Amino acid sequence: MKKIESFQVNHLNLKRGIYVSRKDSVGEDTVTTFDIRMKEPNREPVINTAEMHTIEHLGATFLRNHPVYDSLTVYFGPMGCRTGFYVIFKGDLKSEDIVDIMREMFTFIMNYEGEVPGADAGSCGNYLDMNLSMAKYEAAKFHNEVLLNLKEENLRYQ
């Protein structure tokens, strides 16, 4: 069986950052999947499920309510390995194209106060698995340590 593209990325060298994971054609449009890597794989502890889940709810809500990215967002959700997220946007994009929206989104998450959107039994299949304070911590750590200090190694797979 052929190994899929994301399994061909050398995770031993992967830094935290924003990477183009793949580009696909959907009809006449291109969609770009980004790897929003918050943890260095196999070298840092992964993000716990409660904070991953909370970041997912807040990030998806932010993007779907953004004045520009609402219509460009196809998907935002966690990686199974719990080292980051995938975000899919309409368009033939590069990592640099989404730095500003990722900074904006992670600022929103790290400063969020109140009830987590969709964190109720009627809206979510696992609404009790949320941790806002740790989600804010993880968002701030990624924002301050990575998004504010991006280098080439944080924008291109090595």
N, C-alpha and C. Protein backbone atom coordinates (compact mmCIF):
# COMPACT_ATOMS: atom_id res chain seq x y z
N MET A 1 0.84 -1.17 0.00
CA MET A 1 0.00 0.00 0.00
C MET A 1 0.89 1.24 0.00
N LYS A 2 0.54 2.22 -0.81
CA LYS A 2 1.33 3.45 -0.93
C LYS A 2 1.23 4.28 0.35
N LYS A 3 2.37 4.79 0.81
CA LYS A 3 2.42 5.66 1.99
C LYS A 3 1.90 7.03 1.60
N ILE A 4 0.95 7.58 2.36
CA ILE A 4 0.38 8.88 2.03
C ILE A 4 1.41 9.98 2.27
N GLU A 5 1.18 11.14 1.61
CA GLU A 5 2.15 12.24 1.64
C GLU A 5 2.52 12.69 3.04
N SER A 6 1.54 12.83 3.92
CA SER A 6 1.85 13.36 5.26
C SER A 6 2.72 12.41 6.07
N PHE A 7 2.70 11.11 5.75
CA PHE A 7 3.57 10.16 6.43
C PHE A 7 4.98 10.15 5.84
N GLN A 8 5.18 10.86 4.74
CA GLN A 8 6.49 10.93 4.11
C GLN A 8 7.29 12.15 4.59
N VAL A 9 6.67 13.02 5.39
CA VAL A 9 7.38 14.15 5.98
C VAL A 9 8.22 13.61 7.12
N ASN A 10 9.49 13.98 7.17
CA ASN A 10 10.37 13.49 8.23
C ASN A 10 10.02 14.20 9.53
N HIS A 11 9.29 13.52 10.37
CA HIS A 11 8.85 14.09 11.64
C HIS A 11 9.99 14.24 12.66
N LEU A 12 11.12 13.62 12.39
CA LEU A 12 12.27 13.76 13.29
C LEU A 12 12.90 15.14 13.22
N ASN A 13 12.70 15.83 12.09
CA ASN A 13 13.27 17.17 11.89
C ASN A 13 12.23 18.27 11.93
N LEU A 14 10.97 17.93 12.08
CA LEU A 14 9.89 18.90 11.95
C LEU A 14 9.85 19.86 13.14
N LYS A 15 9.87 21.14 12.83
CA LYS A 15 9.77 22.19 13.84
C LYS A 15 8.32 22.64 13.97
N ARG A 16 8.05 23.42 14.99
CA ARG A 16 6.73 24.03 15.11
C ARG A 16 6.61 25.11 14.03
N GLY A 17 5.42 25.24 13.46
CA GLY A 17 5.26 26.25 12.42
C GLY A 17 4.01 26.06 11.60
N ILE A 18 4.02 26.67 10.42
CA ILE A 18 2.92 26.63 9.46
C ILE A 18 3.48 26.08 8.16
N TYR A 19 2.94 24.95 7.70
CA TYR A 19 3.46 24.30 6.51
C TYR A 19 2.33 23.99 5.53
N VAL A 20 2.63 24.11 4.24
CA VAL A 20 1.69 23.62 3.24
C VAL A 20 1.81 22.10 3.26
N SER A 21 0.72 21.45 3.59
CA SER A 21 0.69 19.99 3.65
C SER A 21 0.38 19.39 2.29
N ARG A 22 -0.59 20.01 1.60
CA ARG A 22 -0.97 19.53 0.27
C ARG A 22 -1.86 20.55 -0.43
N LYS A 23 -1.97 20.40 -1.72
CA LYS A 23 -2.90 21.20 -2.53
C LYS A 23 -3.71 20.24 -3.37
N ASP A 24 -5.01 20.51 -3.44
CA ASP A 24 -5.91 19.66 -4.19
C ASP A 24 -6.79 20.51 -5.08
N SER A 25 -7.19 19.92 -6.20
CA SER A 25 -8.16 20.57 -7.08
C SER A 25 -9.54 20.05 -6.76
N VAL A 26 -10.47 20.97 -6.62
CA VAL A 26 -11.87 20.63 -6.40
C VAL A 26 -12.63 21.38 -7.49
N GLY A 27 -13.01 20.66 -8.53
CA GLY A 27 -13.58 21.33 -9.69
C GLY A 27 -12.52 22.24 -10.29
N GLU A 28 -12.87 23.50 -10.44
CA GLU A 28 -11.94 24.48 -11.00
C GLU A 28 -11.12 25.19 -9.92
N ASP A 29 -11.38 24.88 -8.66
CA ASP A 29 -10.73 25.56 -7.55
C ASP A 29 -9.59 24.73 -6.97
N THR A 30 -8.66 25.44 -6.35
CA THR A 30 -7.59 24.80 -5.58
C THR A 30 -7.89 25.02 -4.11
N VAL A 31 -7.69 23.99 -3.32
CA VAL A 31 -7.76 24.13 -1.86
C VAL A 31 -6.39 23.75 -1.32
N THR A 32 -5.95 24.50 -0.31
CA THR A 32 -4.64 24.27 0.29
C THR A 32 -4.83 23.80 1.73
N THR A 33 -4.24 22.67 2.05
CA THR A 33 -4.24 22.14 3.42
C THR A 33 -2.95 22.55 4.10
N PHE A 34 -3.10 23.15 5.27
CA PHE A 34 -1.94 23.57 6.06
C PHE A 34 -1.81 22.73 7.31
N ASP A 35 -0.57 22.46 7.66
CA ASP A 35 -0.17 21.78 8.88
C ASP A 35 0.20 22.90 9.86
N ILE A 36 -0.63 23.10 10.88
CA ILE A 36 -0.35 24.08 11.92
C ILE A 36 0.27 23.28 13.07
N ARG A 37 1.59 23.20 13.06
CA ARG A 37 2.31 22.30 13.97
C ARG A 37 2.68 23.05 15.25
N MET A 38 1.97 22.74 16.31
CA MET A 38 2.16 23.42 17.60
C MET A 38 3.21 22.77 18.48
N LYS A 39 3.51 21.51 18.23
CA LYS A 39 4.49 20.75 19.03
C LYS A 39 5.48 20.07 18.09
N GLU A 40 6.72 19.94 18.52
CA GLU A 40 7.70 19.19 17.74
C GLU A 40 7.41 17.70 17.94
N PRO A 41 7.07 16.99 16.87
CA PRO A 41 6.69 15.58 17.00
C PRO A 41 7.79 14.74 17.64
N ASN A 42 7.39 13.88 18.52
CA ASN A 42 8.26 12.90 19.18
C ASN A 42 9.34 13.53 20.05
N ARG A 43 9.27 14.85 20.27
CA ARG A 43 10.26 15.52 21.11
C ARG A 43 9.60 16.34 22.21
N GLU A 44 8.34 16.69 22.04
CA GLU A 44 7.60 17.45 23.05
C GLU A 44 6.35 16.66 23.43
N PRO A 45 5.87 16.84 24.64
CA PRO A 45 4.59 16.22 24.99
C PRO A 45 3.49 16.75 24.07
N VAL A 46 2.58 15.88 23.69
CA VAL A 46 1.47 16.28 22.83
C VAL A 46 0.46 17.11 23.63
N ILE A 47 -0.47 17.71 22.92
CA ILE A 47 -1.52 18.51 23.56
C ILE A 47 -2.60 17.54 24.05
N ASN A 48 -3.05 17.71 25.27
CA ASN A 48 -4.10 16.86 25.81
C ASN A 48 -5.41 17.06 25.05
N THR A 49 -6.26 16.05 25.08
CA THR A 49 -7.48 16.10 24.27
C THR A 49 -8.41 17.25 24.67
N ALA A 50 -8.50 17.57 25.94
CA ALA A 50 -9.43 18.63 26.37
C ALA A 50 -9.03 19.98 25.79
N GLU A 51 -7.75 20.30 25.82
CA GLU A 51 -7.34 21.59 25.24
C GLU A 51 -7.37 21.56 23.72
N MET A 52 -7.06 20.41 23.11
CA MET A 52 -7.18 20.28 21.64
C MET A 52 -8.63 20.54 21.23
N HIS A 53 -9.54 19.93 21.95
CA HIS A 53 -10.96 20.05 21.65
C HIS A 53 -11.41 21.51 21.80
N THR A 54 -10.93 22.17 22.83
CA THR A 54 -11.30 23.56 23.07
C THR A 54 -10.73 24.46 21.97
N ILE A 55 -9.46 24.25 21.60
CA ILE A 55 -8.87 25.03 20.51
C ILE A 55 -9.63 24.79 19.22
N GLU A 56 -10.04 23.56 18.98
CA GLU A 56 -10.83 23.26 17.77
C GLU A 56 -12.12 24.07 17.75
N HIS A 57 -12.86 24.08 18.86
CA HIS A 57 -14.12 24.83 18.91
C HIS A 57 -13.89 26.32 18.70
N LEU A 58 -12.88 26.86 19.40
CA LEU A 58 -12.62 28.30 19.31
C LEU A 58 -12.06 28.68 17.94
N GLY A 59 -11.13 27.89 17.42
CA GLY A 59 -10.54 28.19 16.11
C GLY A 59 -11.56 28.11 14.99
N ALA A 60 -12.37 27.06 14.98
CA ALA A 60 -13.39 26.92 13.94
C ALA A 60 -14.42 28.04 14.04
N THR A 61 -14.83 28.39 15.24
CA THR A 61 -15.80 29.48 15.43
C THR A 61 -15.20 30.80 14.95
N PHE A 62 -13.95 31.06 15.32
CA PHE A 62 -13.29 32.28 14.88
C PHE A 62 -13.25 32.38 13.36
N LEU A 63 -12.76 31.32 12.70
CA LEU A 63 -12.62 31.34 11.24
C LEU A 63 -13.97 31.47 10.54
N ARG A 64 -14.97 30.77 11.05
CA ARG A 64 -16.30 30.80 10.41
C ARG A 64 -17.04 32.11 10.62
N ASN A 65 -16.53 32.94 11.53
CA ASN A 65 -17.13 34.24 11.78
C ASN A 65 -16.25 35.39 11.31
N HIS A 66 -15.13 35.09 10.70
CA HIS A 66 -14.20 36.12 10.24
C HIS A 66 -14.76 36.81 8.99
N PRO A 67 -14.60 38.13 8.88
CA PRO A 67 -15.17 38.85 7.74
C PRO A 67 -14.58 38.44 6.38
N VAL A 68 -13.36 37.92 6.34
CA VAL A 68 -12.75 37.49 5.08
C VAL A 68 -12.68 35.97 5.00
N TYR A 69 -12.20 35.33 6.06
CA TYR A 69 -11.93 33.89 6.02
C TYR A 69 -13.17 33.02 6.21
N ASP A 70 -14.30 33.60 6.55
CA ASP A 70 -15.51 32.78 6.67
C ASP A 70 -15.81 32.03 5.37
N SER A 71 -15.67 32.70 4.24
CA SER A 71 -15.98 32.07 2.96
C SER A 71 -14.80 31.29 2.38
N LEU A 72 -13.62 31.43 2.96
CA LEU A 72 -12.43 30.72 2.48
C LEU A 72 -12.14 29.45 3.27
N THR A 73 -12.73 29.33 4.46
CA THR A 73 -12.44 28.20 5.34
C THR A 73 -13.24 26.96 4.92
N VAL A 74 -12.52 25.89 4.67
CA VAL A 74 -13.14 24.61 4.36
C VAL A 74 -13.18 23.75 5.62
N TYR A 75 -12.10 23.78 6.41
CA TYR A 75 -12.00 22.89 7.57
C TYR A 75 -10.93 23.41 8.53
N PHE A 76 -11.18 23.22 9.82
CA PHE A 76 -10.17 23.41 10.87
C PHE A 76 -10.38 22.31 11.89
N GLY A 77 -9.35 21.50 12.14
CA GLY A 77 -9.51 20.42 13.11
C GLY A 77 -8.18 19.82 13.51
N PRO A 78 -8.21 19.01 14.57
CA PRO A 78 -6.99 18.47 15.16
C PRO A 78 -6.37 17.32 14.37
N MET A 79 -5.05 17.20 14.51
CA MET A 79 -4.33 16.03 13.99
C MET A 79 -4.51 14.89 14.98
N GLY A 80 -4.59 13.71 14.47
CA GLY A 80 -4.72 12.55 15.34
C GLY A 80 -3.56 12.38 16.31
N CYS A 81 -2.36 12.81 15.91
CA CYS A 81 -1.18 12.68 16.77
C CYS A 81 -1.16 13.72 17.88
N ARG A 82 -2.06 14.69 17.83
CA ARG A 82 -2.22 15.74 18.84
C ARG A 82 -1.01 16.66 18.96
N THR A 83 -0.31 16.87 17.82
CA THR A 83 0.79 17.84 17.81
C THR A 83 0.39 19.12 17.10
N GLY A 84 -0.84 19.20 16.61
CA GLY A 84 -1.28 20.40 15.92
C GLY A 84 -2.62 20.22 15.25
N PHE A 85 -2.86 21.07 14.26
CA PHE A 85 -4.14 21.13 13.58
C PHE A 85 -3.94 21.20 12.07
N TYR A 86 -4.98 20.81 11.36
CA TYR A 86 -5.04 21.06 9.92
C TYR A 86 -6.06 22.15 9.68
N VAL A 87 -5.72 23.05 8.78
CA VAL A 87 -6.69 24.04 8.32
C VAL A 87 -6.65 23.99 6.80
N ILE A 88 -7.82 23.99 6.21
CA ILE A 88 -7.95 23.95 4.76
C ILE A 88 -8.65 25.23 4.32
N PHE A 89 -7.99 25.95 3.40
CA PHE A 89 -8.55 27.18 2.85
C PHE A 89 -8.70 27.04 1.34
N LYS A 90 -9.73 27.68 0.81
CA LYS A 90 -9.87 27.81 -0.63
C LYS A 90 -8.73 28.68 -1.12
N GLY A 91 -8.14 28.29 -2.26
CA GLY A 91 -7.09 29.09 -2.88
C GLY A 91 -5.78 28.33 -2.98
N ASP A 92 -4.96 28.77 -3.92
CA ASP A 92 -3.62 28.23 -4.13
C ASP A 92 -2.68 29.09 -3.30
N LEU A 93 -2.42 28.68 -2.08
CA LEU A 93 -1.77 29.53 -1.08
C LEU A 93 -0.41 28.99 -0.65
N LYS A 94 0.39 29.87 -0.06
CA LYS A 94 1.67 29.52 0.55
C LYS A 94 1.56 29.77 2.05
N SER A 95 2.49 29.24 2.79
CA SER A 95 2.49 29.42 4.25
C SER A 95 2.43 30.89 4.64
N GLU A 96 3.22 31.72 3.95
CA GLU A 96 3.26 33.15 4.28
C GLU A 96 1.90 33.81 4.13
N ASP A 97 1.06 33.28 3.26
CA ASP A 97 -0.25 33.87 3.00
C ASP A 97 -1.19 33.81 4.20
N ILE A 98 -0.94 32.87 5.12
CA ILE A 98 -1.88 32.71 6.24
C ILE A 98 -1.28 33.06 7.59
N VAL A 99 -0.08 33.61 7.60
CA VAL A 99 0.55 33.97 8.88
C VAL A 99 -0.32 34.96 9.65
N ASP A 100 -0.79 36.00 9.00
CA ASP A 100 -1.58 37.01 9.71
C ASP A 100 -2.87 36.45 10.29
N ILE A 101 -3.58 35.61 9.54
CA ILE A 101 -4.85 35.06 10.06
C ILE A 101 -4.56 34.08 11.19
N MET A 102 -3.45 33.35 11.13
CA MET A 102 -3.11 32.45 12.23
C MET A 102 -2.73 33.25 13.48
N ARG A 103 -2.00 34.33 13.32
CA ARG A 103 -1.70 35.18 14.47
C ARG A 103 -2.98 35.73 15.08
N GLU A 104 -3.88 36.16 14.22
CA GLU A 104 -5.16 36.70 14.69
C GLU A 104 -5.98 35.64 15.41
N MET A 105 -6.04 34.43 14.84
CA MET A 105 -6.81 33.35 15.45
C MET A 105 -6.23 32.93 16.80
N PHE A 106 -4.90 32.76 16.86
CA PHE A 106 -4.31 32.34 18.13
C PHE A 106 -4.37 33.44 19.19
N THR A 107 -4.35 34.69 18.77
CA THR A 107 -4.57 35.80 19.72
C THR A 107 -5.99 35.73 20.27
N PHE A 108 -6.95 35.47 19.40
CA PHE A 108 -8.34 35.32 19.84
C PHE A 108 -8.46 34.20 20.87
N ILE A 109 -7.85 33.05 20.58
CA ILE A 109 -7.94 31.91 21.49
C ILE A 109 -7.26 32.20 22.82
N MET A 110 -6.06 32.76 22.79
CA MET A 110 -5.33 32.98 24.04
C MET A 110 -5.97 34.04 24.92
N ASN A 111 -6.79 34.91 24.35
CA ASN A 111 -7.46 35.96 25.12
C ASN A 111 -8.94 35.67 25.36
N TYR A 112 -9.42 34.52 24.92
CA TYR A 112 -10.86 34.24 24.98
C TYR A 112 -11.36 34.14 26.43
N GLU A 113 -12.48 34.75 26.68
CA GLU A 113 -13.17 34.67 27.98
C GLU A 113 -14.62 34.26 27.72
N GLY A 114 -15.18 33.49 28.60
CA GLY A 114 -16.58 33.11 28.48
C GLY A 114 -16.76 31.64 28.20
N GLU A 115 -17.99 31.31 27.86
CA GLU A 115 -18.32 29.92 27.54
C GLU A 115 -17.74 29.54 26.18
N VAL A 116 -17.20 28.35 26.08
CA VAL A 116 -16.67 27.86 24.81
C VAL A 116 -17.84 27.61 23.87
N PRO A 117 -17.81 28.19 22.67
CA PRO A 117 -18.91 27.99 21.73
C PRO A 117 -19.12 26.51 21.42
N GLY A 118 -20.36 26.09 21.46
CA GLY A 118 -20.69 24.71 21.14
C GLY A 118 -20.37 23.70 22.22
N ALA A 119 -20.02 24.15 23.41
CA ALA A 119 -19.66 23.23 24.50
C ALA A 119 -20.88 22.90 25.33
N ASP A 120 -21.84 22.27 24.69
CA ASP A 120 -23.05 21.81 25.38
C ASP A 120 -23.50 20.51 24.74
N ALA A 121 -24.30 19.76 25.46
CA ALA A 121 -24.70 18.42 25.02
C ALA A 121 -25.45 18.43 23.69
N GLY A 122 -26.19 19.48 23.42
CA GLY A 122 -26.94 19.55 22.18
C GLY A 122 -26.09 19.88 20.97
N SER A 123 -24.89 20.44 21.19
CA SER A 123 -24.05 20.91 20.08
C SER A 123 -22.81 20.07 19.83
N CYS A 124 -22.41 19.25 20.81
CA CYS A 124 -21.14 18.56 20.72
C CYS A 124 -21.26 17.15 21.31
N GLY A 125 -20.61 16.20 20.66
CA GLY A 125 -20.67 14.81 21.10
C GLY A 125 -19.79 14.48 22.28
N ASN A 126 -18.94 15.41 22.73
CA ASN A 126 -18.07 15.16 23.87
C ASN A 126 -17.80 16.48 24.58
N TYR A 127 -18.87 17.20 24.88
CA TYR A 127 -18.77 18.57 25.38
C TYR A 127 -18.08 18.69 26.74
N LEU A 128 -18.01 17.63 27.51
CA LEU A 128 -17.36 17.70 28.82
C LEU A 128 -15.84 17.67 28.73
N ASP A 129 -15.31 17.27 27.57
CA ASP A 129 -13.86 17.19 27.38
C ASP A 129 -13.34 18.52 26.84
N MET A 130 -13.34 19.53 27.70
CA MET A 130 -12.89 20.89 27.35
C MET A 130 -12.01 21.41 28.49
N ASN A 131 -11.01 22.22 28.12
CA ASN A 131 -10.17 22.86 29.13
C ASN A 131 -9.73 24.21 28.58
N LEU A 132 -10.51 25.24 28.88
CA LEU A 132 -10.24 26.57 28.35
C LEU A 132 -8.92 27.14 28.85
N SER A 133 -8.62 27.00 30.12
CA SER A 133 -7.39 27.61 30.63
C SER A 133 -6.15 27.00 29.97
N MET A 134 -6.13 25.70 29.76
CA MET A 134 -4.99 25.07 29.11
C MET A 134 -4.97 25.36 27.60
N ALA A 135 -6.14 25.51 26.99
CA ALA A 135 -6.20 25.88 25.57
C ALA A 135 -5.59 27.27 25.39
N LYS A 136 -5.91 28.17 26.30
CA LYS A 136 -5.35 29.52 26.24
C LYS A 136 -3.84 29.49 26.43
N TYR A 137 -3.37 28.65 27.35
CA TYR A 137 -1.94 28.49 27.59
C TYR A 137 -1.23 27.99 26.33
N GLU A 138 -1.77 26.91 25.72
CA GLU A 138 -1.15 26.33 24.52
C GLU A 138 -1.18 27.32 23.36
N ALA A 139 -2.28 28.05 23.21
CA ALA A 139 -2.38 29.05 22.13
C ALA A 139 -1.36 30.16 22.33
N ALA A 140 -1.22 30.64 23.57
CA ALA A 140 -0.26 31.72 23.85
C ALA A 140 1.17 31.24 23.62
N LYS A 141 1.46 30.03 24.03
CA LYS A 141 2.81 29.46 23.86
C LYS A 141 3.16 29.40 22.37
N PHE A 142 2.26 28.89 21.56
CA PHE A 142 2.49 28.79 20.12
C PHE A 142 2.58 30.19 19.49
N HIS A 143 1.67 31.05 19.86
CA HIS A 143 1.66 32.41 19.31
C HIS A 143 2.97 33.14 19.63
N ASN A 144 3.33 33.16 20.90
CA ASN A 144 4.47 33.96 21.34
C ASN A 144 5.83 33.37 20.96
N GLU A 145 5.93 32.05 21.01
CA GLU A 145 7.22 31.41 20.72
C GLU A 145 7.44 31.14 19.24
N VAL A 146 6.35 30.92 18.49
CA VAL A 146 6.51 30.52 17.09
C VAL A 146 5.97 31.58 16.13
N LEU A 147 4.70 31.91 16.24
CA LEU A 147 4.09 32.81 15.26
C LEU A 147 4.71 34.20 15.23
N LEU A 148 5.21 34.66 16.35
CA LEU A 148 5.85 35.97 16.38
C LEU A 148 7.32 35.92 15.99
N ASN A 149 7.86 34.71 15.76
CA ASN A 149 9.28 34.55 15.45
C ASN A 149 9.50 33.58 14.29
N LEU A 150 8.65 33.62 13.29
CA LEU A 150 8.73 32.66 12.19
C LEU A 150 10.00 32.85 11.37
N LYS A 151 10.61 31.71 11.04
CA LYS A 151 11.78 31.66 10.17
C LYS A 151 11.45 30.69 9.04
N GLU A 152 12.32 30.61 8.08
CA GLU A 152 12.13 29.70 6.94
C GLU A 152 11.87 28.26 7.42
N GLU A 153 12.58 27.83 8.46
CA GLU A 153 12.43 26.46 8.96
C GLU A 153 11.04 26.20 9.57
N ASN A 154 10.30 27.27 9.86
CA ASN A 154 8.95 27.14 10.41
C ASN A 154 7.88 27.27 9.34
N LEU A 155 8.30 27.45 8.08
CA LEU A 155 7.35 27.67 6.99
C LEU A 155 7.49 26.66 5.84
N ARG A 156 8.55 25.88 5.82
CA ARG A 156 8.80 24.91 4.75
C ARG A 156 9.26 23.59 5.37
N TYR A 157 8.68 22.51 4.89
CA TYR A 157 9.15 21.20 5.33
C TYR A 157 10.61 21.05 4.93
N GLN A 158 11.43 20.51 5.82
CA GLN A 158 12.86 20.32 5.55
C GLN A 158 13.11 18.92 5.05
